[in-house]
Amino acid sequence: MTKRRIIVGISGATGIQYGIKALELLQELDIETHLIISKAAEMVRTYETGYKHEHVVSLAHRVYALSDVGAAISSGSFKTMGMLIAPCSVKTLSEIATGVTSSLLSRAADVTLKERRRLVLLFRETPLHAGHIKTMLQVTEMGGVVMPPVPAFYMQPQTIDEMITHTVARALDLFGFDIDIPRWEK
């Protein structure tokens, strides 16, 4: 692959800040980003942040409409390093687990799995019932990585942004990126 590309999906779970931080960190690494934002994520953006839609989409190299199931990222022949969905809602997790894709977001994730590329889901739900756990197991057995965004306190974060940055950097570690963050060094 000549270009280092990654797909970033932002679904409607709380925690849109994780997806925005991923786009910011990937810009610093000069990684080509392909973004999909769900309608529910747009609603969450207005509830949880002061960010405008234009700012969020300006962080990506390419932005796709949720309904554009014919987009380049819906094809396995479009090479990427994989896909990060941050945050990942129960609905999105369930669509990925069943292969019943209703949008470009879940279709791109399905393609990522079928091509044996890295799929990382920052699953944002708690508490969990047995159905959630079984769905996470299904995605894991298919090759995806379910990573609830759990903060690391060993780094003694002073701000929410430090916790978000650390969690997203750890997720991006799974793609082989090396972001300068405090790491466990006992």
C-alpha atoms as a PDB file:
ATOM      1  CA  MET A   1       0.000   0.000   0.000  1.00  0.00           C
ATOM      2  CA  THR A   2       1.559   3.297  -1.059  1.00  0.00           C
ATOM      3  CA  LYS A   3      -0.722   5.529   1.012  1.00  0.00           C
ATOM      4  CA  ARG A   4      -1.254   4.916   4.700  1.00  0.00           C
ATOM      5  CA  ARG A   5      -5.029   5.218   5.070  1.00  0.00           C
ATOM      6  CA  ILE A   6      -7.472   4.511   7.825  1.00  0.00           C
ATOM      7  CA  ILE A   7     -11.248   4.697   8.044  1.00  0.00           C
ATOM      8  CA  VAL A   8     -12.677   6.484  11.075  1.00  0.00           C
ATOM      9  CA  GLY A   9     -16.299   5.902  11.946  1.00  0.00           C
ATOM     10  CA  ILE A  10     -18.163   7.921  14.534  1.00  0.00           C
ATOM     11  CA  SER A  11     -21.438   6.364  15.659  1.00  0.00           C
ATOM     12  CA  GLY A  12     -24.164   7.658  17.949  1.00  0.00           C
ATOM     13  CA  ALA A  13     -22.908   6.520  21.332  1.00  0.00           C
ATOM     14  CA  THR A  14     -21.811   9.051  23.902  1.00  0.00           C
ATOM     15  CA  GLY A  15     -18.144   9.996  23.573  1.00  0.00           C
ATOM     16  CA  ILE A  16     -17.822  11.648  20.160  1.00  0.00           C
ATOM     17  CA  GLN A  17     -14.679  13.233  21.622  1.00  0.00           C
ATOM     18  CA  TYR A  18     -12.887   9.908  21.019  1.00  0.00           C
ATOM     19  CA  GLY A  19     -13.510  10.055  17.280  1.00  0.00           C
ATOM     20  CA  ILE A  20     -12.533  13.708  17.066  1.00  0.00           C
ATOM     21  CA  LYS A  21      -9.317  13.046  19.001  1.00  0.00           C
ATOM     22  CA  ALA A  22      -8.504  10.139  16.671  1.00  0.00           C
ATOM     23  CA  LEU A  23      -8.799  12.444  13.661  1.00  0.00           C
ATOM     24  CA  GLU A  24      -6.555  15.031  15.351  1.00  0.00           C
ATOM     25  CA  LEU A  25      -3.866  12.470  16.240  1.00  0.00           C
ATOM     26  CA  LEU A  26      -3.957  10.905  12.778  1.00  0.00           C
ATOM     27  CA  GLN A  27      -3.454  14.357  11.212  1.00  0.00           C
ATOM     28  CA  GLU A  28      -0.250  14.708  13.248  1.00  0.00           C
ATOM     29  CA  LEU A  29       0.931  11.344  11.874  1.00  0.00           C
ATOM     30  CA  ASP A  30       0.135  12.315   8.272  1.00  0.00           C
ATOM     31  CA  ILE A  31      -2.287   9.411   7.846  1.00  0.00           C
ATOM     32  CA  GLU A  32      -4.985   9.762   5.189  1.00  0.00           C
ATOM     33  CA  THR A  33      -8.340   9.592   6.974  1.00  0.00           C
ATOM     34  CA  HIS A  34     -11.708   8.558   5.553  1.00  0.00           C
ATOM     35  CA  LEU A  35     -14.599   9.598   7.799  1.00  0.00           C
ATOM     36  CA  ILE A  36     -18.184   8.440   8.250  1.00  0.00           C
ATOM     37  CA  ILE A  37     -20.413  10.075  10.864  1.00  0.00           C
ATOM     38  CA  SER A  38     -23.815   8.657  11.731  1.00  0.00           C
ATOM     39  CA  LYS A  39     -26.901  10.830  12.129  1.00  0.00           C
ATOM     40  CA  ALA A  40     -27.057   9.957  15.812  1.00  0.00           C
ATOM     41  CA  ALA A  41     -23.392  10.989  16.196  1.00  0.00           C
ATOM     42  CA  GLU A  42     -24.294  14.405  14.807  1.00  0.00           C
ATOM     43  CA  MET A  43     -26.948  14.708  17.506  1.00  0.00           C
ATOM     44  CA  VAL A  44     -24.474  13.633  20.183  1.00  0.00           C
ATOM     45  CA  ARG A  45     -21.973  16.223  18.893  1.00  0.00           C
ATOM     46  CA  THR A  46     -24.469  18.997  19.611  1.00  0.00           C
ATOM     47  CA  TYR A  47     -25.229  17.629  23.104  1.00  0.00           C
ATOM     48  CA  GLU A  48     -21.671  16.867  24.222  1.00  0.00           C
ATOM     49  CA  THR A  49     -19.394  19.408  22.557  1.00  0.00           C
ATOM     50  CA  GLY A  50     -19.146  22.914  21.226  1.00  0.00           C
ATOM     51  CA  TYR A  51     -17.634  21.624  17.977  1.00  0.00           C
ATOM     52  CA  LYS A  52     -19.367  22.564  14.763  1.00  0.00           C
ATOM     53  CA  HIS A  53     -19.960  19.953  12.051  1.00  0.00           C
ATOM     54  CA  GLU A  54     -17.643  21.865   9.703  1.00  0.00           C
ATOM     55  CA  HIS A  55     -14.767  21.625  12.166  1.00  0.00           C
ATOM     56  CA  VAL A  56     -15.133  17.868  12.641  1.00  0.00           C
ATOM     57  CA  VAL A  57     -15.271  17.102   8.912  1.00  0.00           C
ATOM     58  CA  SER A  58     -12.318  19.448   8.261  1.00  0.00           C
ATOM     59  CA  LEU A  59     -10.141  17.047  10.273  1.00  0.00           C
ATOM     60  CA  ALA A  60     -10.572  14.266   7.673  1.00  0.00           C
ATOM     61  CA  HIS A  61      -9.143  13.949   4.177  1.00  0.00           C
ATOM     62  CA  ARG A  62     -12.395  12.504   2.833  1.00  0.00           C
ATOM     63  CA  VAL A  63     -15.896  12.458   4.289  1.00  0.00           C
ATOM     64  CA  TYR A  64     -18.662  10.126   3.125  1.00  0.00           C
ATOM     65  CA  ALA A  65     -22.415  10.305   3.453  1.00  0.00           C
ATOM     66  CA  LEU A  66     -23.845   7.593   5.657  1.00  0.00           C
ATOM     67  CA  SER A  67     -26.091   6.468   2.792  1.00  0.00           C
ATOM     68  CA  ASP A  68     -23.247   6.240   0.204  1.00  0.00           C
ATOM     69  CA  VAL A  69     -22.943   2.449   0.157  1.00  0.00           C
ATOM     70  CA  GLY A  70     -21.167   2.702  -3.207  1.00  0.00           C
ATOM     71  CA  ALA A  71     -18.275   4.730  -1.760  1.00  0.00           C
ATOM     72  CA  ALA A  72     -14.681   3.611  -2.254  1.00  0.00           C
ATOM     73  CA  ILE A  73     -14.441   2.422   1.361  1.00  0.00           C
ATOM     74  CA  SER A  74     -17.295  -0.035   0.761  1.00  0.00           C
ATOM     75  CA  SER A  75     -15.017  -2.084  -1.496  1.00  0.00           C
ATOM     76  CA  GLY A  76     -12.252  -4.428  -0.444  1.00  0.00           C
ATOM     77  CA  SER A  77     -10.194  -3.286  -3.417  1.00  0.00           C
ATOM     78  CA  PHE A  78      -9.785   0.129  -1.729  1.00  0.00           C
ATOM     79  CA  LYS A  79      -6.772  -0.549   0.452  1.00  0.00           C
ATOM     80  CA  THR A  80      -6.688   0.750   4.015  1.00  0.00           C
ATOM     81  CA  MET A  81      -4.871  -0.166   7.199  1.00  0.00           C
ATOM     82  CA  GLY A  82      -8.259  -0.802   8.748  1.00  0.00           C
ATOM     83  CA  MET A  83     -11.014   0.991  10.585  1.00  0.00           C
ATOM     84  CA  LEU A  84     -11.550   2.573  13.976  1.00  0.00           C
ATOM     85  CA  ILE A  85     -15.085   3.246  15.205  1.00  0.00           C
ATOM     86  CA  ALA A  86     -14.934   5.700  18.077  1.00  0.00           C
ATOM     87  CA  PRO A  87     -17.309   5.657  19.788  1.00  0.00           C
ATOM     88  CA  CYS A  88     -19.137   2.503  18.760  1.00  0.00           C
ATOM     89  CA  SER A  89     -22.823   2.193  19.632  1.00  0.00           C
ATOM     90  CA  VAL A  90     -24.708  -1.013  20.391  1.00  0.00           C
ATOM     91  CA  LYS A  91     -26.551  -0.651  17.085  1.00  0.00           C
ATOM     92  CA  THR A  92     -23.314  -0.419  15.097  1.00  0.00           C
ATOM     93  CA  LEU A  93     -21.731  -3.304  17.021  1.00  0.00           C
ATOM     94  CA  SER A  94     -24.829  -5.432  16.368  1.00  0.00           C
ATOM     95  CA  GLU A  95     -24.879  -4.691  12.638  1.00  0.00           C
ATOM     96  CA  ILE A  96     -21.199  -5.614  12.365  1.00  0.00           C
ATOM     97  CA  ALA A  97     -21.688  -8.825  14.356  1.00  0.00           C
ATOM     98  CA  THR A  98     -24.564 -10.001  12.167  1.00  0.00           C
ATOM     99  CA  GLY A  99     -23.269  -8.762   8.817  1.00  0.00           C
ATOM    100  CA  VAL A 100     -26.625  -7.022   8.262  1.00  0.00           C
ATOM    101  CA  THR A 101     -25.367  -3.614   7.240  1.00  0.00           C
ATOM    102  CA  SER A 102     -27.792  -0.721   6.926  1.00  0.00           C
ATOM    103  CA  SER A 103     -25.330   2.096   6.228  1.00  0.00           C
ATOM    104  CA  LEU A 104     -21.863   2.850   4.942  1.00  0.00           C
ATOM    105  CA  LEU A 105     -20.580   2.811   8.529  1.00  0.00           C
ATOM    106  CA  SER A 106     -21.427  -0.836   9.144  1.00  0.00           C
ATOM    107  CA  ARG A 107     -20.697  -1.798   5.503  1.00  0.00           C
ATOM    108  CA  ALA A 108     -17.151  -0.392   5.719  1.00  0.00           C
ATOM    109  CA  ALA A 109     -16.621  -2.311   8.971  1.00  0.00           C
ATOM    110  CA  ASP A 110     -17.919  -5.496   7.341  1.00  0.00           C
ATOM    111  CA  VAL A 111     -15.519  -5.005   4.409  1.00  0.00           C
ATOM    112  CA  THR A 112     -12.663  -4.379   6.841  1.00  0.00           C
ATOM    113  CA  LEU A 113     -13.331  -7.736   8.505  1.00  0.00           C
ATOM    114  CA  LYS A 114     -13.780  -9.684   5.267  1.00  0.00           C
ATOM    115  CA  GLU A 115     -10.455  -8.323   4.002  1.00  0.00           C
ATOM    116  CA  ARG A 116      -8.808  -9.392   7.288  1.00  0.00           C
ATOM    117  CA  ARG A 117      -7.853  -5.826   8.139  1.00  0.00           C
ATOM    118  CA  ARG A 118      -7.784  -4.374  11.639  1.00  0.00           C
ATOM    119  CA  LEU A 119     -11.152  -3.269  13.037  1.00  0.00           C
ATOM    120  CA  VAL A 120     -11.125  -1.564  16.446  1.00  0.00           C
ATOM    121  CA  LEU A 121     -14.390  -0.649  18.169  1.00  0.00           C
ATOM    122  CA  LEU A 122     -14.418   1.723  21.149  1.00  0.00           C
ATOM    123  CA  PHE A 123     -17.649   0.234  22.441  1.00  0.00           C
ATOM    124  CA  ARG A 124     -19.532   2.703  24.645  1.00  0.00           C
ATOM    125  CA  GLU A 125     -22.148   0.942  26.706  1.00  0.00           C
ATOM    126  CA  THR A 126     -22.508   0.067  30.371  1.00  0.00           C
ATOM    127  CA  PRO A 127     -23.748  -1.923  32.170  1.00  0.00           C
ATOM    128  CA  LEU A 128     -23.833  -4.887  29.819  1.00  0.00           C
ATOM    129  CA  HIS A 129     -26.437  -7.616  29.433  1.00  0.00           C
ATOM    130  CA  ALA A 130     -25.731 -11.067  28.010  1.00  0.00           C
ATOM    131  CA  GLY A 131     -26.742  -9.977  24.492  1.00  0.00           C
ATOM    132  CA  HIS A 132     -24.094  -7.245  24.467  1.00  0.00           C
ATOM    133  CA  ILE A 133     -21.441  -9.678  25.657  1.00  0.00           C
ATOM    134  CA  LYS A 134     -22.421 -12.294  23.055  1.00  0.00           C
ATOM    135  CA  THR A 135     -22.334  -9.634  20.332  1.00  0.00           C
ATOM    136  CA  MET A 136     -18.864  -8.510  21.431  1.00  0.00           C
ATOM    137  CA  LEU A 137     -17.757 -12.161  21.320  1.00  0.00           C
ATOM    138  CA  GLN A 138     -19.137 -12.548  17.772  1.00  0.00           C
ATOM    139  CA  VAL A 139     -17.158  -9.520  16.553  1.00  0.00           C
ATOM    140  CA  THR A 140     -14.040 -10.747  18.348  1.00  0.00           C
ATOM    141  CA  GLU A 141     -14.359 -14.202  16.790  1.00  0.00           C
ATOM    142  CA  MET A 142     -14.624 -12.497  13.379  1.00  0.00           C
ATOM    143  CA  GLY A 143     -11.291 -10.734  13.966  1.00  0.00           C
ATOM    144  CA  GLY A 144     -12.441  -7.392  15.370  1.00  0.00           C
ATOM    145  CA  VAL A 145     -11.073  -5.817  18.528  1.00  0.00           C
ATOM    146  CA  VAL A 146     -13.635  -4.571  21.039  1.00  0.00           C
ATOM    147  CA  MET A 147     -11.967  -1.945  23.204  1.00  0.00           C
ATOM    148  CA  PRO A 148     -14.151  -0.195  25.742  1.00  0.00           C
ATOM    149  CA  PRO A 149     -12.607   3.241  26.354  1.00  0.00           C
ATOM    150  CA  VAL A 150     -11.444   2.638  29.912  1.00  0.00           C
ATOM    151  CA  PRO A 151      -9.124   5.350  31.251  1.00  0.00           C
ATOM    152  CA  ALA A 152      -5.672   4.485  32.581  1.00  0.00           C
ATOM    153  CA  PHE A 153      -5.056   6.192  35.888  1.00  0.00           C
ATOM    154  CA  TYR A 154      -1.399   5.151  36.254  1.00  0.00           C
ATOM    155  CA  MET A 155      -0.555   8.153  34.098  1.00  0.00           C
ATOM    156  CA  GLN A 156      -2.224  10.424  36.684  1.00  0.00           C
ATOM    157  CA  PRO A 157      -4.295  12.424  34.187  1.00  0.00           C
ATOM    158  CA  GLN A 158      -5.036  16.011  35.088  1.00  0.00           C
ATOM    159  CA  THR A 159      -7.698  16.637  32.441  1.00  0.00           C
ATOM    160  CA  ILE A 160     -10.413  14.786  30.572  1.00  0.00           C
ATOM    161  CA  ASP A 161      -8.516  15.525  27.353  1.00  0.00           C
ATOM    162  CA  GLU A 162      -5.470  13.661  28.718  1.00  0.00           C
ATOM    163  CA  MET A 163      -7.660  10.623  29.431  1.00  0.00           C
ATOM    164  CA  ILE A 164      -9.259  10.777  25.978  1.00  0.00           C
ATOM    165  CA  THR A 165      -5.885  11.220  24.256  1.00  0.00           C
ATOM    166  CA  HIS A 166      -4.375   8.274  26.132  1.00  0.00           C
ATOM    167  CA  THR A 167      -7.300   5.981  25.304  1.00  0.00           C
ATOM    168  CA  VAL A 168      -7.303   6.922  21.622  1.00  0.00           C
ATOM    169  CA  ALA A 169      -3.522   6.578  21.379  1.00  0.00           C
ATOM    170  CA  ARG A 170      -3.820   3.062  22.837  1.00  0.00           C
ATOM    171  CA  ALA A 171      -6.472   2.250  20.215  1.00  0.00           C
ATOM    172  CA  LEU A 172      -4.186   3.580  17.472  1.00  0.00           C
ATOM    173  CA  ASP A 173      -1.368   1.413  18.896  1.00  0.00           C
ATOM    174  CA  LEU A 174      -3.399  -1.520  17.570  1.00  0.00           C
ATOM    175  CA  PHE A 175      -2.765  -0.242  14.024  1.00  0.00           C
ATOM    176  CA  GLY A 176       0.983   0.071  14.635  1.00  0.00           C
ATOM    177  CA  PHE A 177       1.034   3.836  15.177  1.00  0.00           C
ATOM    178  CA  ASP A 178       3.359   5.179  17.840  1.00  0.00           C
ATOM    179  CA  ILE A 179       1.982   8.216  19.614  1.00  0.00           C
ATOM    180  CA  ASP A 180       3.948   9.829  22.414  1.00  0.00           C
ATOM    181  CA  ILE A 181       1.865   9.200  25.543  1.00  0.00           C
ATOM    182  CA  PRO A 182       2.747   8.185  29.107  1.00  0.00           C
ATOM    183  CA  ARG A 183       3.237   4.428  29.173  1.00  0.00           C
ATOM    184  CA  TRP A 184       3.620   1.935  31.990  1.00  0.00           C
ATOM    185  CA  GLU A 185       7.320   1.715  32.800  1.00  0.00           C
ATOM    186  CA  LYS A 186       7.730   0.098  36.208  1.00  0.00           C
END
